[in-house]
Amino acid sequence: MNKRVQEGILDFVKKYDTVKFLNVTWYGGEPMLATDVIKFLSFELQKLVEHYNASMITNGFYLDKIVDTISDWRISRLQITLDGTKETHRIMFSSNK
C-alpha cells in the first residue's frame, strides 16, 4: 500500500469525525510483510478515532517479529491460516531454524 493510498484512508476517516468506533482487519497477501504500513496507519487511526481496534489474518510466519508491538497497534485478534500443502509448510518452517 503506497503512501498516497495510506493518506487517502486517513483523509476518508477524517471526513467522518462523528465516528467513535473503528474496527480494521489486516489481511490479503501476507499483512506482516507490510508491518511499516500497519504500524503507521494503526497509530494514525488511533489519533482519529476514540475506539480503534484491529484484527489480523496471517499465516503467522513473522509473528515472532511483531509480538512485542502487537498490542500497541491495538490488534486484539489473530486468525492464523494453514494454506498450502504439507510440503510447503515443512519447507517454510524448517528453513526458519
N, C-alpha and C. Protein backbone atom coordinates (compact mmCIF):
# COMPACT_ATOMS: atom_id res chain seq x y z
N MET A 1 0.86 -1.16 0.00
CA MET A 1 0.00 0.00 0.00
C MET A 1 0.91 1.24 0.00
N ASN A 2 0.85 1.99 -1.05
CA ASN A 2 1.72 3.16 -1.13
C ASN A 2 1.23 4.31 -0.24
N LYS A 3 2.08 5.31 -0.07
CA LYS A 3 1.78 6.44 0.83
C LYS A 3 0.52 7.18 0.42
N ARG A 4 0.29 7.29 -0.88
CA ARG A 4 -0.90 8.01 -1.36
C ARG A 4 -2.18 7.31 -0.90
N VAL A 5 -2.19 6.00 -0.98
CA VAL A 5 -3.35 5.22 -0.54
C VAL A 5 -3.52 5.35 0.97
N GLN A 6 -2.42 5.29 1.71
CA GLN A 6 -2.48 5.42 3.16
C GLN A 6 -3.07 6.78 3.55
N GLU A 7 -2.59 7.82 2.91
CA GLU A 7 -3.11 9.17 3.20
C GLU A 7 -4.58 9.29 2.80
N GLY A 8 -4.96 8.62 1.71
CA GLY A 8 -6.36 8.61 1.29
C GLY A 8 -7.27 7.97 2.33
N ILE A 9 -6.80 6.90 2.95
CA ILE A 9 -7.56 6.25 4.01
C ILE A 9 -7.74 7.20 5.18
N LEU A 10 -6.67 7.86 5.57
CA LEU A 10 -6.75 8.81 6.69
C LEU A 10 -7.67 9.97 6.36
N ASP A 11 -7.59 10.49 5.14
CA ASP A 11 -8.49 11.59 4.73
C ASP A 11 -9.95 11.14 4.77
N PHE A 12 -10.21 9.92 4.34
CA PHE A 12 -11.57 9.38 4.37
C PHE A 12 -12.10 9.32 5.80
N VAL A 13 -11.31 8.82 6.72
CA VAL A 13 -11.73 8.71 8.12
C VAL A 13 -11.93 10.10 8.72
N LYS A 14 -11.08 11.05 8.36
CA LYS A 14 -11.20 12.43 8.88
C LYS A 14 -12.53 13.07 8.48
N LYS A 15 -13.07 12.71 7.31
CA LYS A 15 -14.35 13.26 6.85
C LYS A 15 -15.49 12.92 7.79
N TYR A 16 -15.37 11.79 8.47
CA TYR A 16 -16.44 11.30 9.33
C TYR A 16 -16.02 11.42 10.79
N ASP A 17 -15.87 12.64 11.24
CA ASP A 17 -15.37 12.89 12.60
C ASP A 17 -16.35 12.47 13.69
N THR A 18 -17.56 12.10 13.31
CA THR A 18 -18.52 11.62 14.31
C THR A 18 -18.35 10.13 14.60
N VAL A 19 -17.53 9.46 13.82
CA VAL A 19 -17.29 8.04 14.04
C VAL A 19 -16.46 7.86 15.31
N LYS A 20 -16.98 7.09 16.23
CA LYS A 20 -16.29 6.85 17.51
C LYS A 20 -15.67 5.47 17.59
N PHE A 21 -16.13 4.54 16.75
CA PHE A 21 -15.65 3.17 16.76
C PHE A 21 -15.17 2.79 15.36
N LEU A 22 -14.00 2.18 15.30
CA LEU A 22 -13.49 1.69 14.02
C LEU A 22 -12.77 0.38 14.27
N ASN A 23 -13.21 -0.64 13.56
CA ASN A 23 -12.57 -1.96 13.61
C ASN A 23 -11.96 -2.25 12.25
N VAL A 24 -10.68 -2.58 12.23
CA VAL A 24 -9.95 -2.85 11.00
C VAL A 24 -9.47 -4.30 11.03
N THR A 25 -9.55 -4.96 9.88
CA THR A 25 -8.97 -6.29 9.75
C THR A 25 -7.86 -6.21 8.71
N TRP A 26 -6.66 -6.54 9.13
CA TRP A 26 -5.49 -6.58 8.24
C TRP A 26 -5.43 -7.97 7.62
N TYR A 27 -5.51 -8.04 6.30
CA TYR A 27 -5.46 -9.33 5.60
C TYR A 27 -5.07 -9.08 4.16
N GLY A 28 -4.94 -10.14 3.41
CA GLY A 28 -4.69 -10.03 1.98
C GLY A 28 -3.21 -10.17 1.68
N GLY A 29 -2.87 -11.11 0.87
CA GLY A 29 -1.46 -11.41 0.70
C GLY A 29 -0.96 -11.89 2.05
N GLU A 30 0.06 -11.28 2.55
CA GLU A 30 0.53 -11.53 3.93
C GLU A 30 0.77 -10.19 4.58
N PRO A 31 -0.14 -9.77 5.48
CA PRO A 31 -0.04 -8.44 6.07
C PRO A 31 1.25 -8.18 6.83
N MET A 32 1.86 -9.22 7.36
CA MET A 32 3.10 -9.00 8.12
C MET A 32 4.29 -8.68 7.23
N LEU A 33 4.11 -8.71 5.92
CA LEU A 33 5.15 -8.24 5.01
C LEU A 33 5.09 -6.72 4.86
N ALA A 34 4.08 -6.10 5.45
CA ALA A 34 3.92 -4.64 5.38
C ALA A 34 3.72 -4.07 6.78
N THR A 35 4.54 -4.48 7.73
CA THR A 35 4.37 -4.02 9.10
C THR A 35 4.58 -2.51 9.23
N ASP A 36 5.38 -1.91 8.35
CA ASP A 36 5.56 -0.47 8.39
C ASP A 36 4.25 0.26 8.11
N VAL A 37 3.46 -0.26 7.18
CA VAL A 37 2.15 0.32 6.86
C VAL A 37 1.18 0.11 8.01
N ILE A 38 1.15 -1.09 8.55
CA ILE A 38 0.24 -1.38 9.67
C ILE A 38 0.57 -0.50 10.86
N LYS A 39 1.83 -0.37 11.16
CA LYS A 39 2.26 0.47 12.28
C LYS A 39 1.83 1.92 12.07
N PHE A 40 2.14 2.47 10.90
CA PHE A 40 1.79 3.86 10.61
C PHE A 40 0.29 4.10 10.71
N LEU A 41 -0.49 3.29 9.98
CA LEU A 41 -1.94 3.50 9.97
C LEU A 41 -2.56 3.23 11.34
N SER A 42 -2.06 2.25 12.05
CA SER A 42 -2.61 1.96 13.38
C SER A 42 -2.47 3.16 14.31
N PHE A 43 -1.28 3.74 14.35
CA PHE A 43 -1.06 4.89 15.23
C PHE A 43 -1.85 6.11 14.77
N GLU A 44 -1.92 6.34 13.46
CA GLU A 44 -2.66 7.49 12.95
C GLU A 44 -4.16 7.33 13.18
N LEU A 45 -4.69 6.13 12.97
CA LEU A 45 -6.12 5.90 13.20
C LEU A 45 -6.48 6.00 14.67
N GLN A 46 -5.57 5.60 15.55
CA GLN A 46 -5.83 5.75 16.98
C GLN A 46 -5.98 7.22 17.37
N LYS A 47 -5.29 8.10 16.67
CA LYS A 47 -5.41 9.54 16.93
C LYS A 47 -6.75 10.10 16.46
N LEU A 48 -7.31 9.48 15.43
CA LEU A 48 -8.54 9.99 14.81
C LEU A 48 -9.82 9.43 15.40
N VAL A 49 -9.76 8.21 15.91
CA VAL A 49 -10.97 7.50 16.36
C VAL A 49 -10.81 7.13 17.82
N GLU A 50 -11.82 7.47 18.59
CA GLU A 50 -11.76 7.21 20.04
C GLU A 50 -11.57 5.74 20.38
N HIS A 51 -12.30 4.87 19.69
CA HIS A 51 -12.24 3.43 19.98
C HIS A 51 -11.79 2.68 18.73
N TYR A 52 -10.49 2.57 18.56
CA TYR A 52 -9.92 1.87 17.41
C TYR A 52 -9.49 0.48 17.87
N ASN A 53 -9.78 -0.52 17.05
CA ASN A 53 -9.41 -1.90 17.34
C ASN A 53 -9.10 -2.59 16.02
N ALA A 54 -8.24 -3.60 16.06
CA ALA A 54 -7.88 -4.29 14.83
C ALA A 54 -7.74 -5.79 15.06
N SER A 55 -7.82 -6.51 13.96
CA SER A 55 -7.55 -7.94 13.94
C SER A 55 -6.69 -8.21 12.72
N MET A 56 -6.13 -9.41 12.65
CA MET A 56 -5.25 -9.74 11.54
C MET A 56 -5.45 -11.20 11.14
N ILE A 57 -5.46 -11.43 9.84
CA ILE A 57 -5.47 -12.78 9.29
C ILE A 57 -4.11 -12.98 8.64
N THR A 58 -3.38 -13.97 9.10
CA THR A 58 -1.99 -14.16 8.68
C THR A 58 -1.63 -15.63 8.67
N ASN A 59 -0.54 -15.94 7.99
CA ASN A 59 -0.04 -17.31 8.07
C ASN A 59 0.84 -17.48 9.31
N GLY A 60 1.11 -16.39 10.01
CA GLY A 60 1.83 -16.44 11.29
C GLY A 60 3.33 -16.56 11.16
N PHE A 61 3.84 -16.56 9.95
CA PHE A 61 5.26 -16.81 9.75
C PHE A 61 6.16 -15.79 10.44
N TYR A 62 5.79 -14.51 10.42
CA TYR A 62 6.60 -13.46 11.04
C TYR A 62 6.05 -12.99 12.38
N LEU A 63 5.19 -13.75 12.97
CA LEU A 63 4.55 -13.35 14.22
C LEU A 63 5.57 -13.03 15.31
N ASP A 64 6.64 -13.76 15.36
CA ASP A 64 7.66 -13.50 16.38
C ASP A 64 8.29 -12.12 16.24
N LYS A 65 8.25 -11.54 15.05
CA LYS A 65 8.85 -10.23 14.82
C LYS A 65 7.96 -9.08 15.30
N ILE A 66 6.67 -9.33 15.49
CA ILE A 66 5.77 -8.25 15.92
C ILE A 66 5.12 -8.50 17.27
N VAL A 67 5.40 -9.60 17.89
CA VAL A 67 4.70 -9.98 19.12
C VAL A 67 4.82 -8.91 20.21
N ASP A 68 5.94 -8.21 20.27
CA ASP A 68 6.12 -7.19 21.31
C ASP A 68 5.39 -5.89 21.01
N THR A 69 4.97 -5.68 19.78
CA THR A 69 4.31 -4.41 19.42
C THR A 69 2.84 -4.56 19.05
N ILE A 70 2.37 -5.77 19.00
CA ILE A 70 1.01 -6.02 18.51
C ILE A 70 -0.06 -5.30 19.35
N SER A 71 0.14 -5.21 20.64
CA SER A 71 -0.85 -4.51 21.47
C SER A 71 -0.80 -3.00 21.23
N ASP A 72 0.36 -2.46 20.91
CA ASP A 72 0.46 -1.03 20.58
C ASP A 72 -0.34 -0.70 19.33
N TRP A 73 -0.43 -1.66 18.42
CA TRP A 73 -1.18 -1.48 17.19
C TRP A 73 -2.65 -1.80 17.39
N ARG A 74 -3.02 -2.14 18.62
CA ARG A 74 -4.39 -2.50 19.03
C ARG A 74 -4.94 -3.70 18.27
N ILE A 75 -4.08 -4.62 17.93
CA ILE A 75 -4.53 -5.88 17.31
C ILE A 75 -4.88 -6.82 18.45
N SER A 76 -6.15 -7.11 18.57
CA SER A 76 -6.61 -7.93 19.69
C SER A 76 -7.00 -9.35 19.27
N ARG A 77 -7.09 -9.59 17.95
CA ARG A 77 -7.45 -10.93 17.47
C ARG A 77 -6.57 -11.30 16.29
N LEU A 78 -6.11 -12.54 16.30
CA LEU A 78 -5.33 -13.08 15.19
C LEU A 78 -6.00 -14.34 14.68
N GLN A 79 -6.10 -14.46 13.39
CA GLN A 79 -6.52 -15.71 12.77
C GLN A 79 -5.32 -16.20 11.98
N ILE A 80 -4.82 -17.37 12.33
CA ILE A 80 -3.67 -17.93 11.65
C ILE A 80 -4.15 -19.02 10.71
N THR A 81 -3.83 -18.83 9.43
CA THR A 81 -4.30 -19.75 8.40
C THR A 81 -3.22 -20.79 8.10
N LEU A 82 -3.66 -21.93 7.67
CA LEU A 82 -2.76 -23.00 7.24
C LEU A 82 -3.03 -23.26 5.77
N ASP A 83 -2.41 -22.45 4.93
CA ASP A 83 -2.61 -22.54 3.49
C ASP A 83 -1.49 -23.36 2.86
N GLY A 84 -1.81 -24.01 1.80
CA GLY A 84 -0.78 -24.74 1.06
C GLY A 84 -0.70 -26.19 1.48
N THR A 85 0.28 -26.83 0.94
CA THR A 85 0.45 -28.27 1.17
C THR A 85 1.34 -28.52 2.39
N LYS A 86 1.34 -29.75 2.84
CA LYS A 86 2.19 -30.16 3.95
C LYS A 86 3.66 -29.88 3.62
N GLU A 87 4.05 -30.15 2.38
CA GLU A 87 5.43 -29.94 1.96
C GLU A 87 5.80 -28.46 2.00
N THR A 88 4.89 -27.60 1.59
CA THR A 88 5.15 -26.15 1.62
C THR A 88 5.43 -25.69 3.04
N HIS A 89 4.63 -26.12 3.97
CA HIS A 89 4.82 -25.71 5.36
C HIS A 89 6.09 -26.32 5.96
N ARG A 90 6.37 -27.53 5.61
CA ARG A 90 7.58 -28.18 6.12
C ARG A 90 8.81 -27.40 5.64
N ILE A 91 8.85 -27.01 4.37
CA ILE A 91 9.99 -26.26 3.82
C ILE A 91 10.04 -24.87 4.46
N MET A 92 8.91 -24.18 4.55
CA MET A 92 8.89 -22.83 5.08
C MET A 92 9.37 -22.78 6.52
N PHE A 93 8.86 -23.67 7.35
CA PHE A 93 9.18 -23.59 8.77
C PHE A 93 10.51 -24.26 9.12
N SER A 94 10.95 -25.21 8.34
CA SER A 94 12.26 -25.82 8.64
C SER A 94 13.39 -24.91 8.22
N SER A 95 13.19 -24.06 7.22
CA SER A 95 14.25 -23.15 6.79
C SER A 95 14.39 -21.95 7.72
N ASN A 96 13.45 -21.79 8.63
CA ASN A 96 13.48 -20.68 9.58
C ASN A 96 14.38 -20.97 10.77
N LYS A 97 14.87 -22.18 10.92
CA LYS A 97 15.66 -22.57 12.09
C LYS A 97 17.08 -22.07 12.01
